[in-house]
N, C-alpha and C. Protein backbone atom coordinates (compact mmCIF):
# COMPACT_ATOMS: atom_id res chain seq x y z
N UNK A 1 0.73 -1.09 0.27
CA UNK A 1 -0.11 0.01 0.06
C UNK A 1 1.06 1.12 0.09
N UNK A 2 0.69 2.41 -0.84
CA UNK A 2 1.31 3.28 -1.06
C UNK A 2 0.60 4.45 -0.17
N UNK A 3 1.55 5.07 0.93
CA UNK A 3 1.09 6.24 1.48
C UNK A 3 1.34 7.55 0.78
N UNK A 4 0.62 8.30 0.10
CA UNK A 4 1.26 9.59 -0.39
C UNK A 4 0.60 10.83 0.12
N UNK A 5 1.30 11.70 0.23
CA UNK A 5 0.38 13.13 0.89
C UNK A 5 0.61 13.99 -0.32
N UNK A 6 -0.97 13.83 -0.86
CA UNK A 6 -1.22 14.33 -2.12
C UNK A 6 -1.36 15.67 -2.14
N UNK A 7 -1.29 16.38 -0.57
CA UNK A 7 -1.36 17.88 -0.58
C UNK A 7 -0.24 18.32 -0.82
N UNK A 8 1.18 17.44 -0.62
CA UNK A 8 2.56 18.21 -0.70
C UNK A 8 2.70 17.98 -2.38
N UNK A 9 1.83 16.65 -2.82
CA UNK A 9 2.46 16.54 -4.41
C UNK A 9 1.67 17.79 -5.46
N UNK A 10 0.36 17.87 -4.70
CA UNK A 10 -0.29 19.20 -5.57
C UNK A 10 0.72 20.41 -5.47
N UNK A 11 0.64 20.93 -4.06
CA UNK A 11 1.58 21.63 -3.64
C UNK A 11 2.77 21.92 -4.80
N UNK A 12 3.78 20.81 -4.75
CA UNK A 12 4.65 20.84 -5.32
C UNK A 12 4.20 21.31 -6.85
N UNK A 13 3.26 20.61 -7.53
CA UNK A 13 3.22 20.69 -8.87
C UNK A 13 2.87 22.16 -9.50
N UNK A 14 2.39 23.12 -8.20
CA UNK A 14 1.38 23.95 -8.29
C UNK A 14 2.39 25.04 -8.46
N UNK A 15 3.70 24.81 -7.39
CA UNK A 15 5.12 25.88 -7.69
C UNK A 15 5.64 25.63 -8.54
N UNK A 16 5.85 24.09 -9.32
CA UNK A 16 6.55 23.89 -10.39
C UNK A 16 5.93 24.23 -11.60
N UNK A 17 4.32 24.69 -11.47
CA UNK A 17 4.16 25.12 -12.88
C UNK A 17 3.76 26.95 -12.69
N UNK A 18 4.37 27.50 -11.48
CA UNK A 18 4.16 29.16 -11.33
C UNK A 18 2.59 29.47 -11.59
N UNK A 19 2.12 28.64 -10.61
CA UNK A 19 0.39 29.09 -10.44
C UNK A 19 0.43 29.71 -9.23
N UNK A 20 -0.57 30.63 -8.95
CA UNK A 20 -1.15 31.34 -7.91
C UNK A 20 -1.07 29.81 -6.73
N UNK A 21 -0.75 30.12 -5.59
CA UNK A 21 -1.66 28.67 -4.40
C UNK A 21 -2.93 29.02 -4.22
N UNK A 22 -3.37 30.28 -4.06
CA UNK A 22 -4.48 30.71 -3.28
C UNK A 22 -5.78 29.94 -4.44
N UNK A 23 -6.06 29.78 -5.37
CA UNK A 23 -7.03 29.40 -5.80
C UNK A 23 -7.15 27.98 -5.71
N UNK A 24 -6.00 27.50 -5.10
CA UNK A 24 -6.27 25.92 -5.39
C UNK A 24 -6.17 25.02 -3.94
N UNK A 25 -5.98 25.99 -2.73
CA UNK A 25 -5.92 25.87 -1.48
C UNK A 25 -7.06 24.64 -0.97
N UNK A 26 -8.01 25.19 -1.74
CA UNK A 26 -9.35 24.48 -1.05
C UNK A 26 -9.35 22.74 -1.57
N UNK A 27 -8.79 22.83 -2.53
CA UNK A 27 -8.65 21.32 -3.31
C UNK A 27 -7.42 20.50 -2.19
N UNK A 28 -6.05 21.53 -2.32
CA UNK A 28 -5.40 20.89 -1.52
C UNK A 28 -5.53 20.04 -0.27
N UNK A 29 -6.46 21.13 0.46
CA UNK A 29 -6.98 20.99 1.76
C UNK A 29 -7.79 19.18 1.99
N UNK A 30 -8.49 19.50 0.73
CA UNK A 30 -9.25 18.47 0.49
C UNK A 30 -8.73 16.68 0.51
N UNK A 31 -7.88 17.40 -0.04
CA UNK A 31 -6.92 15.91 0.03
C UNK A 31 -5.92 16.10 1.17
N UNK A 32 -5.62 16.43 2.27
CA UNK A 32 -4.73 16.83 3.08
C UNK A 32 -5.51 16.38 4.40
N UNK A 33 -6.62 16.41 4.22
CA UNK A 33 -7.61 16.18 5.44
C UNK A 33 -8.40 14.60 4.94
N UNK A 34 -8.12 14.29 4.13
CA UNK A 34 -8.94 13.32 3.60
C UNK A 34 -10.15 13.43 2.85
N UNK A 35 -11.27 12.45 2.95
CA UNK A 35 -12.60 12.67 2.28
C UNK A 35 -13.43 11.57 3.13
N UNK A 36 -14.78 11.71 2.68
CA UNK A 36 -15.45 10.68 3.44
C UNK A 36 -15.75 9.50 2.80
N UNK A 37 -15.81 8.80 3.19
CA UNK A 37 -16.19 7.33 2.67
C UNK A 37 -17.27 7.19 1.46
N UNK A 38 -17.09 7.17 0.35
CA UNK A 38 -18.23 7.13 -0.76
C UNK A 38 -17.69 5.63 -1.60
N UNK A 39 -18.85 5.94 -2.41
CA UNK A 39 -18.66 4.91 -3.75
C UNK A 39 -18.98 5.88 -4.60
N UNK A 40 -18.48 5.35 -5.81
CA UNK A 40 -18.65 5.96 -7.05
C UNK A 40 -19.53 5.39 -7.77
N UNK A 41 -19.40 5.91 -8.91
CA UNK A 41 -20.58 5.73 -10.32
C UNK A 41 -20.11 5.99 -11.54
N UNK A 42 -19.87 5.32 -12.58
CA UNK A 42 -19.25 5.74 -13.58
C UNK A 42 -20.26 5.08 -14.68
N UNK A 43 -20.48 5.88 -15.72
CA UNK A 43 -21.13 5.38 -16.88
C UNK A 43 -20.35 5.70 -18.26
N UNK A 44 -19.79 4.80 -19.02
CA UNK A 44 -18.96 5.44 -20.18
C UNK A 44 -19.91 5.92 -21.33
N UNK A 45 -19.22 6.82 -22.30
CA UNK A 45 -20.67 7.26 -23.33
C UNK A 45 -20.74 6.41 -23.86
N UNK A 46 -19.59 5.14 -24.28
CA UNK A 46 -19.91 4.35 -25.62
C UNK A 46 -21.14 3.28 -24.61
N UNK A 47 -21.14 2.99 -23.57
CA UNK A 47 -21.83 2.30 -22.96
C UNK A 47 -23.15 2.67 -22.92
N UNK A 48 -23.60 3.87 -22.68
CA UNK A 48 -24.66 4.97 -23.06
C UNK A 48 -25.09 4.53 -24.25
N UNK A 49 -24.49 4.66 -25.32
CA UNK A 49 -24.51 4.61 -26.74
C UNK A 49 -25.34 2.87 -26.81
N UNK A 50 -24.76 2.62 -26.71
CA UNK A 50 -25.12 0.74 -26.81
C UNK A 50 -26.90 0.42 -26.20
N UNK A 51 -26.76 1.17 -24.88
CA UNK A 51 -28.09 1.32 -24.26
C UNK A 51 -28.64 1.79 -25.05
N UNK A 52 -28.89 2.90 -25.50
CA UNK A 52 -29.87 4.24 -26.45
C UNK A 52 -29.84 3.02 -27.72
N UNK A 53 -28.94 2.84 -28.07
CA UNK A 53 -29.33 2.13 -29.77
C UNK A 53 -29.83 0.68 -29.70
N UNK A 54 -29.07 -0.34 -28.60
CA UNK A 54 -29.47 -1.66 -28.29
C UNK A 54 -28.86 -2.18 -29.20
N UNK A 55 -27.73 -2.00 -30.07
CA UNK A 55 -26.25 -2.78 -30.45
C UNK A 55 -25.98 -3.41 -29.98
N UNK A 56 -25.11 -4.28 -30.50
CA UNK A 56 -24.46 -5.42 -29.66
C UNK A 56 -23.13 -4.92 -29.34
N UNK A 57 -22.09 -4.13 -30.11
CA UNK A 57 -21.10 -3.87 -30.08
C UNK A 57 -20.67 -2.40 -30.27
N UNK A 58 -20.10 -1.88 -29.53
CA UNK A 58 -19.70 -0.01 -30.19
C UNK A 58 -19.02 -0.13 -30.95
N UNK A 59 -18.85 -0.65 -31.77
CA UNK A 59 -18.04 -0.70 -33.55
C UNK A 59 -19.06 -0.52 -34.19
N UNK A 60 -20.00 -0.85 -34.40
CA UNK A 60 -21.31 -1.02 -34.88
C UNK A 60 -22.49 -0.01 -35.06
N UNK A 61 -21.80 1.33 -33.88
CA UNK A 61 -22.70 2.22 -33.90
C UNK A 61 -22.95 3.34 -35.26
N UNK A 62 -21.60 3.53 -35.69
CA UNK A 62 -21.88 4.34 -36.97
C UNK A 62 -22.54 3.44 -37.89
N UNK A 63 -22.67 2.59 -38.14
CA UNK A 63 -23.58 1.60 -39.02
C UNK A 63 -25.15 1.37 -38.45
N UNK A 64 -25.64 2.10 -37.69
CA UNK A 64 -26.73 2.03 -36.85
C UNK A 64 -27.40 3.14 -37.55
N UNK A 65 -29.05 3.20 -37.75
CA UNK A 65 -30.08 4.47 -38.34
C UNK A 65 -30.64 4.84 -36.70
N UNK A 66 -29.96 5.99 -36.11
CA UNK A 66 -30.64 6.47 -35.29
C UNK A 66 -31.96 7.32 -35.36
């Protein structure tokens, strides 16, 4: 298991890109103090097209009349 202080990593990246740190402080604080337990959901665009068109494979999407 890797333990990385993402606040330091992001802070260093902001310094290297010569960006003002103030607009990004809220994001750095989120990673520094952790987040709440959560689960995510993702739906790829290709899968949504498959569902909407009813085709078997995404490679056939261009041949489908919508």
